[in-house]
């Protein structure tokens, strides 16, 4: 990012939790909840996910046995600040 917070100032006092969503390789929407106080960190550094997260088939939350992936090791996913949306719930 350019150093500015991606969240408008008037929203900051209203938001408690960020939901960072992505689609995995099976087309399933995944989510990680992050305290809103971590927004600036997440916008710059991303969130940590296990490497195996992207190798999970649609029928289980474990890596496919033949994927060669394990829950050891992390990747960082940096959200696109242009997709930030405020939802009222």
C-alpha atoms as a PDB file:
ATOM      1  CA  UNK A   1       0.000   0.000   0.000  1.00  0.00           C
ATOM      2  CA  UNK A   2       1.020   3.639  -0.189  1.00  0.00           C
ATOM      3  CA  UNK A   3       1.315   3.996   3.598  1.00  0.00           C
ATOM      4  CA  UNK A   4      -2.264   5.205   4.076  1.00  0.00           C
ATOM      5  CA  UNK A   5      -4.741   3.043   5.918  1.00  0.00           C
ATOM      6  CA  UNK A   6      -7.117   1.376   3.448  1.00  0.00           C
ATOM      7  CA  UNK A   7     -10.063   1.966   5.821  1.00  0.00           C
ATOM      8  CA  UNK A   8     -11.630   5.432   5.912  1.00  0.00           C
ATOM      9  CA  UNK A   9     -11.265   7.087   9.305  1.00  0.00           C
ATOM     10  CA  UNK A  10     -15.037   7.257   9.900  1.00  0.00           C
ATOM     11  CA  UNK A  11     -15.232   3.455   9.608  1.00  0.00           C
ATOM     12  CA  UNK A  12     -12.372   2.662  11.969  1.00  0.00           C
ATOM     13  CA  UNK A  13     -14.356   3.316  15.146  1.00  0.00           C
ATOM     14  CA  UNK A  14     -17.240   1.103  13.936  1.00  0.00           C
ATOM     15  CA  UNK A  15     -15.322  -1.965  12.776  1.00  0.00           C
ATOM     16  CA  UNK A  16     -14.273  -4.614  15.276  1.00  0.00           C
ATOM     17  CA  UNK A  17     -13.379  -7.597  13.111  1.00  0.00           C
ATOM     18  CA  UNK A  18     -12.055  -7.970   9.583  1.00  0.00           C
ATOM     19  CA  UNK A  19     -12.960 -11.028   7.569  1.00  0.00           C
ATOM     20  CA  UNK A  20     -10.314 -11.767   4.977  1.00  0.00           C
ATOM     21  CA  UNK A  21     -11.822 -14.046   2.329  1.00  0.00           C
ATOM     22  CA  UNK A  22     -10.229 -15.944  -0.542  1.00  0.00           C
ATOM     23  CA  UNK A  23     -11.115 -18.850  -2.802  1.00  0.00           C
ATOM     24  CA  UNK A  24      -9.038 -21.995  -2.533  1.00  0.00           C
ATOM     25  CA  UNK A  25      -8.120 -24.252  -5.441  1.00  0.00           C
ATOM     26  CA  UNK A  26     -11.387 -26.218  -4.991  1.00  0.00           C
ATOM     27  CA  UNK A  27     -13.400 -22.999  -5.439  1.00  0.00           C
ATOM     28  CA  UNK A  28     -14.428 -22.880  -1.777  1.00  0.00           C
ATOM     29  CA  UNK A  29     -14.536 -19.484  -0.097  1.00  0.00           C
ATOM     30  CA  UNK A  30     -12.281 -19.514   2.951  1.00  0.00           C
ATOM     31  CA  UNK A  31     -12.108 -16.875   5.662  1.00  0.00           C
ATOM     32  CA  UNK A  32      -9.791 -15.744   8.403  1.00  0.00           C
ATOM     33  CA  UNK A  33     -11.045 -13.305  11.050  1.00  0.00           C
ATOM     34  CA  UNK A  34      -8.624 -10.612  12.206  1.00  0.00           C
ATOM     35  CA  UNK A  35      -9.102  -7.880  14.839  1.00  0.00           C
ATOM     36  CA  UNK A  36      -9.707  -4.544  13.098  1.00  0.00           C
ATOM     37  CA  UNK A  37      -6.795  -3.047  15.026  1.00  0.00           C
ATOM     38  CA  UNK A  38      -4.555  -5.203  12.796  1.00  0.00           C
ATOM     39  CA  UNK A  39      -5.885  -3.747   9.520  1.00  0.00           C
ATOM     40  CA  UNK A  40      -2.799  -1.746   8.640  1.00  0.00           C
ATOM     41  CA  UNK A  41      -0.547  -4.751   9.345  1.00  0.00           C
ATOM     42  CA  UNK A  42      -2.732  -7.082   7.264  1.00  0.00           C
ATOM     43  CA  UNK A  43      -2.871  -4.553   4.404  1.00  0.00           C
ATOM     44  CA  UNK A  44       0.935  -4.461   4.241  1.00  0.00           C
ATOM     45  CA  UNK A  45       2.074  -7.925   5.349  1.00  0.00           C
ATOM     46  CA  UNK A  46      -0.973 -10.103   4.731  1.00  0.00           C
ATOM     47  CA  UNK A  47      -2.309 -13.013   6.753  1.00  0.00           C
ATOM     48  CA  UNK A  48      -0.550 -16.278   7.390  1.00  0.00           C
ATOM     49  CA  UNK A  49      -2.036 -19.481   6.021  1.00  0.00           C
ATOM     50  CA  UNK A  50      -0.742 -23.004   6.166  1.00  0.00           C
ATOM     51  CA  UNK A  51       0.741 -24.138   2.843  1.00  0.00           C
ATOM     52  CA  UNK A  52      -1.677 -27.066   2.870  1.00  0.00           C
ATOM     53  CA  UNK A  53      -4.681 -24.727   2.801  1.00  0.00           C
ATOM     54  CA  UNK A  54      -4.607 -24.505  -0.983  1.00  0.00           C
ATOM     55  CA  UNK A  55      -4.368 -28.288  -1.374  1.00  0.00           C
ATOM     56  CA  UNK A  56      -7.595 -29.110   0.444  1.00  0.00           C
ATOM     57  CA  UNK A  57     -10.218 -30.828  -1.709  1.00  0.00           C
ATOM     58  CA  UNK A  58     -13.907 -29.935  -1.470  1.00  0.00           C
ATOM     59  CA  UNK A  59     -14.802 -32.987   0.616  1.00  0.00           C
ATOM     60  CA  UNK A  60     -12.502 -32.355   3.607  1.00  0.00           C
ATOM     61  CA  UNK A  61     -10.500 -29.692   5.444  1.00  0.00           C
ATOM     62  CA  UNK A  62      -7.280 -31.648   5.137  1.00  0.00           C
ATOM     63  CA  UNK A  63      -4.757 -31.684   2.303  1.00  0.00           C
ATOM     64  CA  UNK A  64      -5.292 -34.252  -0.404  1.00  0.00           C
ATOM     65  CA  UNK A  65      -3.077 -37.255   0.386  1.00  0.00           C
ATOM     66  CA  UNK A  66      -1.314 -37.066  -2.982  1.00  0.00           C
ATOM     67  CA  UNK A  67      -0.763 -33.295  -2.862  1.00  0.00           C
ATOM     68  CA  UNK A  68       2.514 -33.644  -0.976  1.00  0.00           C
ATOM     69  CA  UNK A  69       1.430 -30.789   1.300  1.00  0.00           C
ATOM     70  CA  UNK A  70       1.463 -30.791   5.074  1.00  0.00           C
ATOM     71  CA  UNK A  71       0.265 -28.269   7.658  1.00  0.00           C
ATOM     72  CA  UNK A  72       3.899 -27.313   8.285  1.00  0.00           C
ATOM     73  CA  UNK A  73       4.975 -23.981   6.796  1.00  0.00           C
ATOM     74  CA  UNK A  74       3.121 -20.767   6.049  1.00  0.00           C
ATOM     75  CA  UNK A  75       2.366 -18.537   3.114  1.00  0.00           C
ATOM     76  CA  UNK A  76       1.204 -14.930   3.322  1.00  0.00           C
ATOM     77  CA  UNK A  77      -1.842 -13.721   1.428  1.00  0.00           C
ATOM     78  CA  UNK A  78      -2.063  -9.950   1.036  1.00  0.00           C
ATOM     79  CA  UNK A  79      -5.605  -8.660   0.464  1.00  0.00           C
ATOM     80  CA  UNK A  80      -6.465  -6.227  -2.308  1.00  0.00           C
ATOM     81  CA  UNK A  81      -7.378  -2.962  -0.532  1.00  0.00           C
ATOM     82  CA  UNK A  82      -9.664  -2.027  -3.433  1.00  0.00           C
ATOM     83  CA  UNK A  83     -11.987  -4.873  -2.424  1.00  0.00           C
ATOM     84  CA  UNK A  84     -12.461  -3.647   1.165  1.00  0.00           C
ATOM     85  CA  UNK A  85     -16.164  -3.444   1.985  1.00  0.00           C
ATOM     86  CA  UNK A  86     -18.084  -2.430   5.083  1.00  0.00           C
ATOM     87  CA  UNK A  87     -20.982  -4.719   5.997  1.00  0.00           C
ATOM     88  CA  UNK A  88     -23.399  -3.672   8.742  1.00  0.00           C
ATOM     89  CA  UNK A  89     -23.432  -6.904  10.766  1.00  0.00           C
END
